[in-house]
Amino acid sequence: MERQDDALVLTLLPHGDHGAVVRFLGLSGGPVAAFVHGARSRRRRADLAPGNKVRLSLSARLPDQLPTAMIEPVASRALLAFDARTAAALDYLVQLLAGVLPEGEACPTVAASLDALLDQMVADSDWPVAMARFERDLLAELGFGLDLSACARTGRTDDLAFVSPRSGRAVTRAAAAGQPWAGRLLPLPAFLAAGAPTPGRVSPADRDAGLALTGHFLARHIFPDMPRAAGLRAEALVRLGLAAS
């Protein structure tokens, strides 16, 4: 078996004296674990920092054998480790994806979205908004997508302001007005609505509402089987100055 792909480094597990089993997210081929010789050397540790993009060459004699990987660095995200906020968010993201994505199943949309999110985390301070959009899209990829395209009660596509915490469907402000269940609805910030363009500046209140919304559905569908990821997300939100969502 041979495979070449650009990939994102997720996690690393020491193996032997100097090597490690590294879990990668291939941009084309999806998640794969592989043995990397010398992974714990000073040079290779820097190349295999979580979030880094590498050019990956895999080889194995048998289809069910753990492949060996040769890597070449493509893009470093080492700067993320020097900020407590980005370091905590990166730890959460790589642990989440390492645990939730099926081995060997291509997920190019998730991989490309994570790659773009990591670039934004390096470049500017608006990345928490991008993280909420990434979590929304990941839920959809895993089969738990939110229906944010039209109101569940009226079918209208304008004035969408809330989301049902049970069905994940959007509700307009007018449809919710005066209803006894309105207080249980989750706020829907405009930047998370279906088809919303990449946002410019987003208010802190909308940013927090977006992370609370995605956090609710992650807690419902994903985190019961991944308590470590839930804890890492809560820590990342604390680093951002937010309550755990």
Protein backbone atom coordinates (compact mmCIF):
# COMPACT_ATOMS: atom_id res chain seq x y z
CA MET A 1 0.00 0.00 0.00
CA GLU A 2 1.30 3.42 -0.96
CA ARG A 3 -0.37 6.79 -0.60
CA GLN A 4 0.65 10.41 -0.97
CA ASP A 5 -1.33 13.32 0.37
CA ASP A 6 -1.02 16.70 2.01
CA ALA A 7 -2.10 16.22 5.61
CA LEU A 8 -2.61 17.99 8.93
CA VAL A 9 -0.93 16.62 12.05
CA LEU A 10 -3.46 15.73 14.75
CA THR A 11 -1.93 13.66 17.55
CA LEU A 12 1.32 11.86 18.37
CA LEU A 13 1.82 8.77 20.53
CA PRO A 14 5.44 7.82 21.40
CA HIS A 15 6.44 4.38 20.12
CA GLY A 16 9.84 2.78 20.60
CA ASP A 17 12.96 4.72 21.49
CA HIS A 18 12.61 7.62 19.07
CA GLY A 19 9.57 7.03 16.88
CA ALA A 20 5.86 7.72 17.25
CA VAL A 21 2.51 6.72 15.87
CA VAL A 22 1.13 9.93 14.41
CA ARG A 23 -2.48 10.49 13.44
CA PHE A 24 -2.85 12.66 10.37
CA LEU A 25 -5.88 14.16 8.64
CA GLY A 26 -5.26 13.83 4.93
CA LEU A 27 -6.72 16.64 2.87
CA SER A 28 -7.80 14.09 0.26
CA GLY A 29 -7.72 10.69 1.92
CA GLY A 30 -9.04 11.38 5.40
CA PRO A 31 -7.65 10.30 8.79
CA VAL A 32 -4.76 7.84 8.91
CA ALA A 33 -2.36 6.67 11.62
CA ALA A 34 1.23 5.94 10.65
CA PHE A 35 4.59 5.24 12.25
CA VAL A 36 7.19 7.99 11.83
CA HIS A 37 10.83 7.12 12.47
CA GLY A 38 12.67 9.71 14.56
CA ALA A 39 9.45 11.57 15.31
CA ARG A 40 10.74 12.62 18.72
CA SER A 41 14.01 14.10 17.50
CA ARG A 42 14.34 17.86 17.85
CA ARG A 43 13.84 18.50 14.13
CA ARG A 44 10.98 16.09 13.67
CA ARG A 45 9.17 17.28 16.83
CA ALA A 46 8.96 20.74 15.27
CA ASP A 47 7.71 19.31 11.95
CA LEU A 48 5.08 17.19 13.70
CA ALA A 49 3.59 19.83 15.98
CA PRO A 50 -0.23 19.55 16.08
CA GLY A 51 -1.87 21.58 13.33
CA ASN A 52 1.15 21.59 11.03
CA LYS A 53 0.61 20.77 7.38
CA VAL A 54 2.96 18.18 5.89
CA ARG A 55 3.42 16.31 2.63
CA LEU A 56 2.78 12.70 3.53
CA SER A 57 4.13 9.56 1.83
CA LEU A 58 2.76 6.30 3.28
CA SER A 59 3.94 2.78 2.59
CA ALA A 60 3.00 -0.63 4.00
CA ARG A 61 3.62 -4.18 2.82
CA LEU A 62 0.15 -5.40 3.76
CA PRO A 63 -3.22 -3.59 3.60
CA ASP A 64 -3.93 -4.14 7.34
CA GLN A 65 -0.41 -3.18 8.48
CA LEU A 66 0.35 0.11 10.24
CA PRO A 67 1.97 2.16 7.48
CA THR A 68 5.26 3.97 7.77
CA ALA A 69 5.21 7.67 6.92
CA MET A 70 7.78 9.96 5.40
CA ILE A 71 6.97 13.63 5.81
CA GLU A 72 8.03 16.99 4.42
CA PRO A 73 6.91 20.19 6.17
CA VAL A 74 4.54 22.42 4.18
CA ALA A 75 3.18 24.95 6.71
CA SER A 76 4.03 25.46 10.37
CA ARG A 77 1.48 26.54 12.97
CA ALA A 78 4.11 26.64 15.74
CA LEU A 79 3.04 30.17 16.73
CA LEU A 80 -0.28 28.81 18.02
CA ALA A 81 1.50 27.17 20.95
CA PHE A 82 2.75 30.54 22.23
CA ASP A 83 -0.71 31.96 22.96
CA ALA A 84 -2.82 30.35 25.70
CA ARG A 85 -6.06 30.89 23.76
CA THR A 86 -4.95 29.39 20.47
CA ALA A 87 -3.00 26.61 22.18
CA ALA A 88 -6.10 25.49 24.10
CA ALA A 89 -8.34 25.68 21.02
CA LEU A 90 -5.82 23.75 18.92
CA ASP A 91 -5.60 21.00 21.54
CA TYR A 92 -9.38 20.71 21.53
CA LEU A 93 -9.69 20.64 17.74
CA VAL A 94 -7.05 17.99 17.07
CA GLN A 95 -8.28 15.72 19.87
CA LEU A 96 -11.87 16.08 18.68
CA LEU A 97 -11.08 15.20 15.08
CA ALA A 98 -8.67 12.40 15.99
CA GLY A 99 -11.49 10.75 17.93
CA VAL A 100 -14.57 11.47 15.85
CA LEU A 101 -13.55 10.97 12.22
CA PRO A 102 -13.60 7.40 10.86
CA GLU A 103 -10.20 6.01 9.87
CA GLY A 104 -9.55 6.01 6.13
CA GLU A 105 -12.78 7.78 5.12
CA ALA A 106 -12.18 10.82 2.95
CA CYS A 107 -13.56 14.04 4.43
CA PRO A 108 -12.07 16.77 2.21
CA THR A 109 -14.54 19.45 3.32
CA VAL A 110 -13.67 19.01 7.00
CA ALA A 111 -9.94 18.85 6.25
CA ALA A 112 -10.00 21.98 4.09
CA SER A 113 -12.11 23.81 6.69
CA LEU A 114 -9.71 22.90 9.49
CA ASP A 115 -6.73 23.98 7.37
CA ALA A 116 -8.38 27.36 6.75
CA LEU A 117 -9.33 27.74 10.41
CA LEU A 118 -5.75 27.08 11.52
CA ASP A 119 -4.48 29.69 9.07
CA GLN A 120 -6.97 32.19 10.51
CA MET A 121 -5.90 31.34 14.05
CA VAL A 122 -2.34 32.24 13.10
CA ALA A 123 -3.35 35.41 11.26
CA ASP A 124 -5.92 37.30 13.37
CA SER A 125 -8.12 37.53 16.44
CA ASP A 126 -11.49 36.76 14.80
CA TRP A 127 -10.88 33.02 14.74
CA PRO A 128 -13.45 32.10 17.48
CA VAL A 129 -16.17 33.02 14.97
CA ALA A 130 -14.53 30.76 12.39
CA MET A 131 -14.35 27.98 14.98
CA ALA A 132 -18.12 28.17 15.56
CA ARG A 133 -18.71 27.91 11.79
CA PHE A 134 -16.29 24.96 11.65
CA GLU A 135 -18.16 23.18 14.45
CA ARG A 136 -21.47 23.78 12.65
CA ASP A 137 -20.05 22.24 9.47
CA LEU A 138 -18.48 19.32 11.36
CA LEU A 139 -21.85 18.48 12.90
CA ALA A 140 -23.32 18.37 9.41
CA GLU A 141 -20.50 16.15 8.16
CA LEU A 142 -21.15 13.71 11.01
CA GLY A 143 -24.87 13.52 10.26
CA PHE A 144 -26.10 15.96 12.92
CA GLY A 145 -26.55 19.00 10.72
CA LEU A 146 -28.65 21.94 11.86
CA ASP A 147 -31.45 23.11 9.56
CA LEU A 148 -30.82 26.85 9.50
CA SER A 149 -32.24 27.57 6.07
CA ALA A 150 -35.92 28.26 6.90
CA CYS A 151 -38.30 28.62 9.82
CA ALA A 152 -39.60 25.31 11.16
CA ARG A 153 -43.07 26.80 11.74
CA THR A 154 -43.61 29.15 8.81
CA GLY A 155 -41.07 28.19 6.15
CA ARG A 156 -39.85 31.77 5.93
CA THR A 157 -36.19 32.33 5.21
CA ASP A 158 -35.89 35.87 6.58
CA ASP A 159 -35.69 37.09 10.18
CA LEU A 160 -34.32 33.75 11.43
CA ALA A 161 -33.37 34.46 15.02
CA PHE A 162 -33.54 31.25 17.05
CA VAL A 163 -32.88 27.50 16.91
CA SER A 164 -34.84 24.72 18.59
CA PRO A 165 -32.56 22.98 21.11
CA ARG A 166 -34.25 19.66 20.29
CA SER A 167 -34.70 19.61 16.52
CA GLY A 168 -31.88 21.94 15.48
CA ARG A 169 -34.26 23.83 13.19
CA ALA A 170 -34.42 27.60 12.84
CA VAL A 171 -37.33 29.75 14.02
CA THR A 172 -38.13 33.34 13.07
CA ARG A 173 -38.49 36.08 15.64
CA ALA A 174 -42.17 36.53 14.71
CA ALA A 175 -42.98 32.82 15.02
CA ALA A 176 -41.44 32.66 18.48
CA ALA A 177 -43.10 35.81 19.80
CA GLY A 178 -45.49 35.08 22.67
CA GLN A 179 -45.00 31.30 22.56
CA PRO A 180 -44.60 29.51 25.90
CA TRP A 181 -41.54 27.67 24.59
CA ALA A 182 -39.79 30.78 23.27
CA GLY A 183 -37.56 31.06 26.35
CA ARG A 184 -36.02 27.66 25.61
CA LEU A 185 -34.87 28.58 22.11
CA LEU A 186 -31.19 29.18 21.39
CA PRO A 187 -30.18 32.49 19.77
CA LEU A 188 -29.08 32.17 16.14
CA PRO A 189 -26.42 34.75 15.21
CA ALA A 190 -26.53 35.81 11.56
CA PHE A 191 -23.06 34.49 10.77
CA LEU A 192 -24.19 30.90 11.43
CA ALA A 193 -27.35 30.99 9.30
CA ALA A 194 -27.40 28.83 6.19
CA GLY A 195 -25.74 30.53 3.25
CA ALA A 196 -24.37 33.37 5.35
CA PRO A 197 -21.23 34.88 3.77
CA THR A 198 -17.92 34.83 5.56
CA PRO A 199 -18.51 37.48 8.22
CA GLY A 200 -16.61 40.66 8.77
CA ARG A 201 -16.49 41.89 12.33
CA VAL A 202 -18.88 40.03 14.62
CA SER A 203 -19.99 41.41 17.97
CA PRO A 204 -18.81 39.60 21.11
CA ALA A 205 -22.44 38.78 21.94
CA ASP A 206 -23.01 37.10 18.57
CA ARG A 207 -19.68 35.28 18.80
CA ASP A 208 -20.62 33.92 22.22
CA ALA A 209 -24.10 32.93 21.01
CA GLY A 210 -22.60 31.06 18.07
CA LEU A 211 -20.24 29.06 20.28
CA ALA A 212 -23.08 28.35 22.72
CA LEU A 213 -25.24 27.07 19.85
CA THR A 214 -22.66 24.70 18.41
CA GLY A 215 -21.63 23.67 21.92
CA HIS A 216 -25.18 22.63 22.74
CA PHE A 217 -25.37 20.21 19.82
CA LEU A 218 -21.85 18.92 20.30
CA ALA A 219 -22.79 18.15 23.91
CA ARG A 220 -25.91 16.38 22.73
CA HIS A 221 -24.48 14.30 19.88
CA ILE A 222 -20.70 14.02 20.25
CA PHE A 223 -19.41 14.69 23.74
CA PRO A 224 -21.23 11.87 25.60
CA ASP A 225 -18.72 9.51 23.96
CA MET A 226 -15.83 12.01 24.09
CA PRO A 227 -15.64 13.53 27.57
CA ARG A 228 -12.00 14.53 27.06
CA ALA A 229 -12.93 16.65 24.04
CA ALA A 230 -15.74 18.23 26.05
CA GLY A 231 -13.29 19.19 28.78
CA LEU A 232 -10.77 20.60 26.32
CA ARG A 233 -13.46 22.73 24.67
CA ALA A 234 -14.56 24.05 28.06
CA GLU A 235 -10.95 24.95 28.85
CA ALA A 236 -10.58 26.72 25.49
CA LEU A 237 -13.69 28.81 26.19
CA VAL A 238 -12.36 29.75 29.60
CA ARG A 239 -9.16 30.93 27.91
CA LEU A 240 -11.35 33.06 25.67
CA GLY A 241 -13.03 34.56 28.73
CA LEU A 242 -16.29 32.69 28.14
CA ALA A 243 -18.33 30.31 30.24
CA ALA A 244 -18.28 26.72 29.04
CA SER A 245 -21.03 26.14 26.46
